[in-house]
Amino acid sequence: MTLFAKLPKLWGPLLALEGLAVAGGILSYRLLAGTPGLYGVWPWVVARAAGIGAYGLLTVLVLLGLGMSHPSGQRLLNRAFFPYHQMLALGVLALVAVHGAALAWDRYAGVGWVGLVVPGVSGYRPGPVALGVVAAEAMVWIAVTAHLTYNMRRLRWITVHRLALVVFALVWAHGVWAGTDSVPLADFYRATGLAVGMAAAWRYGVERRRPAGAPRARSGGGASPAPAAVGEEPRP
């Protein structure tokens, strides 16, 4: 069953995302209305709002993915939260697209359309912006491989999907070093980075503690039992 065939089952997450988008739009409008000086830099306002929103959703997405893949509750969490994991992934990609397009549109940002897709050529902080470009392209790669889960060997798919942690680290560094509001958001970045780090240690520490004779997941043939992002719904 494809994602589009399952859309009727996903109205809850879809409406929740739409509600967040409407709330963000209303808040942005009131901010602009209350601060006329921001009219001239509205692309920057949109870019910052979308970027911070994408980072927040990515944090929830990664935490949920780590919980869904933990052996202690894998089957239960997969069944309960897999549709939300899918929709969060789509939401992250949508906000990243808005973030990048707004920066490329803003002639004062110095990113440009080429800098949006080619790492290191941005006129504004090329190093930190390059981290964001690489992370965004990796997100697309992870989403595509997740959608093709049932056509890939498990080891190959799971290796690609675990890059989500690397992507989170790149996005975290991108936000801290490229953002103009990193200082007021310092506690936010510390808390989210610590939460994901602790969750990753909790998740992968289980594998390190597995007894030598304990069975491991198959590394060849067959689909992963826990595809995420934009893939098929896991089978029992």
Protein backbone atom coordinates (compact mmCIF):
# COMPACT_ATOMS: atom_id res chain seq x y z
CA MET A 1 0.00 0.00 0.00
CA THR A 2 1.47 3.34 -1.02
CA LEU A 3 1.52 6.51 1.05
CA PHE A 4 -1.14 8.10 -1.16
CA ALA A 5 -3.45 5.10 -0.71
CA LYS A 6 -3.16 5.53 3.06
CA LEU A 7 -3.85 9.28 3.13
CA PRO A 8 -7.45 8.82 4.41
CA LYS A 9 -5.94 7.27 7.55
CA LEU A 10 -3.62 10.22 8.06
CA TRP A 11 -6.10 13.08 8.30
CA GLY A 12 -5.27 13.59 11.97
CA PRO A 13 -1.55 14.24 11.45
CA LEU A 14 -2.27 16.24 8.29
CA LEU A 15 -4.74 18.51 10.07
CA ALA A 16 -2.30 18.95 12.95
CA LEU A 17 0.42 20.06 10.55
CA GLU A 18 -2.00 22.39 8.80
CA GLY A 19 -2.97 23.86 12.15
CA LEU A 20 0.67 24.53 12.97
CA ALA A 21 1.17 26.15 9.58
CA VAL A 22 -1.86 28.42 10.06
CA ALA A 23 -0.73 29.36 13.58
CA GLY A 24 2.75 30.16 12.28
CA GLY A 25 1.30 32.28 9.49
CA ILE A 26 -0.90 34.25 11.89
CA LEU A 27 2.00 34.86 14.28
CA SER A 28 4.26 35.96 11.41
CA TYR A 29 1.58 38.33 10.11
CA ARG A 30 1.08 39.89 13.55
CA LEU A 31 4.84 40.23 13.97
CA LEU A 32 5.13 42.02 10.65
CA ALA A 33 2.07 44.16 11.35
CA GLY A 34 3.45 45.20 14.74
CA THR A 35 6.93 45.88 13.37
CA PRO A 36 6.67 47.79 10.06
CA GLY A 37 10.44 47.77 9.70
CA LEU A 38 10.33 44.02 9.05
CA TYR A 39 8.36 44.44 5.82
CA GLY A 40 11.59 44.95 3.92
CA VAL A 41 13.09 41.73 5.26
CA TRP A 42 10.05 39.45 5.14
CA PRO A 43 11.94 36.68 3.25
CA TRP A 44 14.40 36.55 6.13
CA VAL A 45 11.56 36.35 8.66
CA VAL A 46 9.97 33.49 6.71
CA ALA A 47 13.33 31.72 6.36
CA ARG A 48 14.10 31.93 10.07
CA ALA A 49 10.60 30.80 11.09
CA ALA A 50 10.67 27.86 8.67
CA GLY A 51 14.22 26.92 9.66
CA ILE A 52 13.51 26.88 13.38
CA GLY A 53 10.25 25.02 12.78
CA ALA A 54 12.02 22.44 10.62
CA TYR A 55 14.66 21.92 13.30
CA GLY A 56 12.01 21.47 15.98
CA LEU A 57 10.09 18.92 13.90
CA LEU A 58 13.33 17.13 13.00
CA THR A 59 14.13 16.79 16.69
CA VAL A 60 10.74 15.18 17.37
CA LEU A 61 11.13 13.00 14.26
CA VAL A 62 14.53 11.66 15.30
CA LEU A 63 13.42 11.06 18.89
CA LEU A 64 10.34 9.21 17.66
CA GLY A 65 12.41 7.15 15.23
CA LEU A 66 14.85 6.14 17.96
CA GLY A 67 11.95 5.11 20.19
CA MET A 68 10.23 3.18 17.41
CA SER A 69 13.40 1.21 16.66
CA HIS A 70 14.20 0.40 20.30
CA PRO A 71 13.88 -3.37 20.91
CA SER A 72 11.91 -2.88 24.12
CA GLY A 73 8.86 -1.45 22.36
CA GLN A 74 9.52 -1.72 18.65
CA ARG A 75 6.35 -3.53 17.60
CA LEU A 76 3.96 -1.50 19.77
CA LEU A 77 5.48 1.88 18.89
CA ASN A 78 5.68 1.06 15.19
CA ARG A 79 1.98 0.31 15.00
CA ALA A 80 0.95 3.35 17.06
CA PHE A 81 3.27 6.04 15.74
CA PHE A 82 4.43 5.06 12.26
CA PRO A 83 1.86 7.31 10.45
CA TYR A 84 2.94 10.26 12.60
CA HIS A 85 6.58 9.51 11.82
CA GLN A 86 5.76 9.66 8.12
CA MET A 87 3.90 12.93 8.35
CA LEU A 88 6.57 14.54 10.53
CA ALA A 89 9.13 13.62 7.88
CA LEU A 90 7.01 15.23 5.17
CA GLY A 91 6.56 18.29 7.38
CA VAL A 92 10.31 18.61 7.90
CA LEU A 93 10.98 18.39 4.16
CA ALA A 94 8.28 20.99 3.43
CA LEU A 95 9.65 23.45 5.98
CA VAL A 96 13.21 22.90 4.75
CA ALA A 97 12.04 23.70 1.22
CA VAL A 98 10.40 26.93 2.44
CA HIS A 99 13.51 27.81 4.47
CA GLY A 100 15.84 27.35 1.53
CA ALA A 101 13.61 29.06 -1.03
CA ALA A 102 13.10 32.10 1.20
CA LEU A 103 16.86 32.47 1.73
CA ALA A 104 17.57 32.10 -1.99
CA TRP A 105 14.85 34.68 -2.75
CA ASP A 106 16.26 37.16 -0.23
CA ARG A 107 18.86 39.19 -2.10
CA TYR A 108 20.29 40.49 1.18
CA ALA A 109 20.93 37.02 2.62
CA GLY A 110 23.74 36.31 0.16
CA VAL A 111 22.82 32.64 -0.29
CA GLY A 112 21.39 32.62 -3.81
CA TRP A 113 19.87 29.77 -5.79
CA VAL A 114 23.26 28.21 -6.56
CA GLY A 115 24.29 28.36 -2.91
CA LEU A 116 21.03 26.62 -2.08
CA VAL A 117 22.12 23.41 -3.82
CA VAL A 118 25.94 23.62 -4.04
CA PRO A 119 27.73 23.47 -0.65
CA GLY A 120 30.31 26.14 0.03
CA VAL A 121 29.38 28.78 -2.57
CA SER A 122 27.06 30.86 -0.40
CA GLY A 123 28.17 34.43 0.09
CA TYR A 124 26.93 34.31 3.71
CA ARG A 125 28.89 32.12 6.13
CA PRO A 126 29.71 29.51 3.45
CA GLY A 127 30.86 26.84 5.91
CA PRO A 128 27.81 26.75 8.19
CA VAL A 129 25.44 27.18 5.23
CA ALA A 130 27.17 24.27 3.49
CA LEU A 131 26.34 22.07 6.49
CA GLY A 132 22.67 22.91 6.00
CA VAL A 133 22.82 22.19 2.26
CA VAL A 134 24.45 18.79 2.81
CA ALA A 135 21.93 17.97 5.55
CA ALA A 136 18.96 18.90 3.34
CA GLU A 137 20.21 16.79 0.45
CA ALA A 138 20.85 13.88 2.83
CA MET A 139 17.27 14.21 4.13
CA VAL A 140 15.94 13.78 0.62
CA TRP A 141 18.16 10.73 0.10
CA ILE A 142 16.99 9.16 3.36
CA ALA A 143 13.34 9.84 2.51
CA VAL A 144 13.68 8.29 -0.96
CA THR A 145 15.39 5.15 0.38
CA ALA A 146 12.72 4.83 3.06
CA HIS A 147 10.03 4.99 0.39
CA LEU A 148 11.85 2.24 -1.51
CA THR A 149 12.33 0.08 1.59
CA TYR A 150 10.66 -3.00 0.16
CA ASN A 151 12.91 -2.90 -2.89
CA MET A 152 16.17 -2.70 -0.94
CA ARG A 153 18.18 -5.12 1.16
CA ARG A 154 17.72 -4.50 4.88
CA LEU A 155 21.38 -3.79 5.66
CA ARG A 156 21.60 -1.19 2.91
CA TRP A 157 18.37 0.54 3.95
CA ILE A 158 19.06 0.56 7.67
CA THR A 159 22.58 1.90 7.13
CA VAL A 160 21.22 4.81 5.10
CA HIS A 161 18.43 5.49 7.58
CA ARG A 162 20.80 5.65 10.53
CA LEU A 163 22.38 8.64 8.83
CA ALA A 164 19.43 10.56 10.28
CA LEU A 165 21.54 11.06 13.40
CA VAL A 166 24.36 12.53 11.31
CA VAL A 167 21.82 14.76 9.58
CA PHE A 168 20.55 15.97 12.94
CA ALA A 169 24.11 16.81 14.01
CA LEU A 170 24.68 18.75 10.78
CA VAL A 171 21.43 20.65 11.19
CA TRP A 172 22.25 21.42 14.82
CA ALA A 173 25.65 22.82 13.83
CA HIS A 174 24.07 24.70 10.92
CA GLY A 175 21.54 26.35 13.22
CA VAL A 176 24.11 27.28 15.85
CA TRP A 177 26.76 28.68 13.48
CA ALA A 178 24.66 30.07 10.62
CA GLY A 179 21.70 31.49 12.53
CA THR A 180 21.60 35.15 13.47
CA ASP A 181 19.64 34.32 16.61
CA SER A 182 21.83 31.55 18.02
CA VAL A 183 22.49 33.38 21.28
CA PRO A 184 18.83 33.80 22.36
CA LEU A 185 18.16 30.22 21.21
CA ALA A 186 21.22 28.76 22.93
CA ASP A 187 19.22 26.94 25.62
CA PHE A 188 16.89 25.52 22.97
CA TYR A 189 19.81 24.10 21.00
CA ARG A 190 21.44 22.70 24.14
CA ALA A 191 18.25 21.00 25.31
CA THR A 192 17.39 19.46 21.95
CA GLY A 193 20.95 18.33 21.27
CA LEU A 194 21.17 16.74 24.72
CA ALA A 195 17.79 15.02 24.30
CA VAL A 196 18.77 13.44 20.97
CA GLY A 197 22.21 12.47 22.27
CA MET A 198 20.73 10.72 25.32
CA ALA A 199 18.07 9.00 23.19
CA ALA A 200 20.72 7.75 20.76
CA ALA A 201 22.82 6.40 23.62
CA TRP A 202 19.72 4.67 25.07
CA ARG A 203 18.82 3.18 21.69
CA TYR A 204 22.22 1.95 20.50
CA GLY A 205 23.48 1.04 23.95
CA VAL A 206 21.06 -1.90 23.77
CA GLU A 207 22.91 -3.35 20.79
CA ARG A 208 26.25 -3.10 22.58
CA ARG A 209 24.80 -4.95 25.59
CA ARG A 210 23.26 -7.77 23.50
CA PRO A 211 24.59 -11.17 24.62
CA ALA A 212 27.01 -12.83 22.21
CA GLY A 213 24.57 -15.64 21.35
CA ALA A 214 21.49 -13.43 20.94
CA PRO A 215 19.95 -13.39 17.46
CA ARG A 216 20.47 -10.32 15.31
CA ALA A 217 18.26 -8.81 12.64
CA ARG A 218 18.77 -10.22 9.15
CA SER A 219 21.19 -8.18 7.07
CA GLY A 220 20.19 -9.45 3.67
CA GLY A 221 16.99 -9.85 1.70
CA GLY A 222 13.59 -8.80 2.89
CA ALA A 223 12.31 -5.51 4.09
CA SER A 224 13.09 -3.70 7.28
CA PRO A 225 10.43 -4.17 9.95
CA ALA A 226 10.54 -0.46 10.76
CA PRO A 227 10.72 1.72 7.67
CA ALA A 228 10.40 5.38 8.50
CA ALA A 229 9.92 8.72 6.82
CA VAL A 230 8.03 8.12 3.56
CA GLY A 231 8.07 4.34 3.21
CA GLU A 232 5.57 1.53 3.52
CA GLU A 233 3.84 0.70 6.77
CA PRO A 234 5.73 -2.05 8.68
CA ARG A 235 4.32 -5.52 8.61
CA PRO A 236 3.66 -7.49 11.80
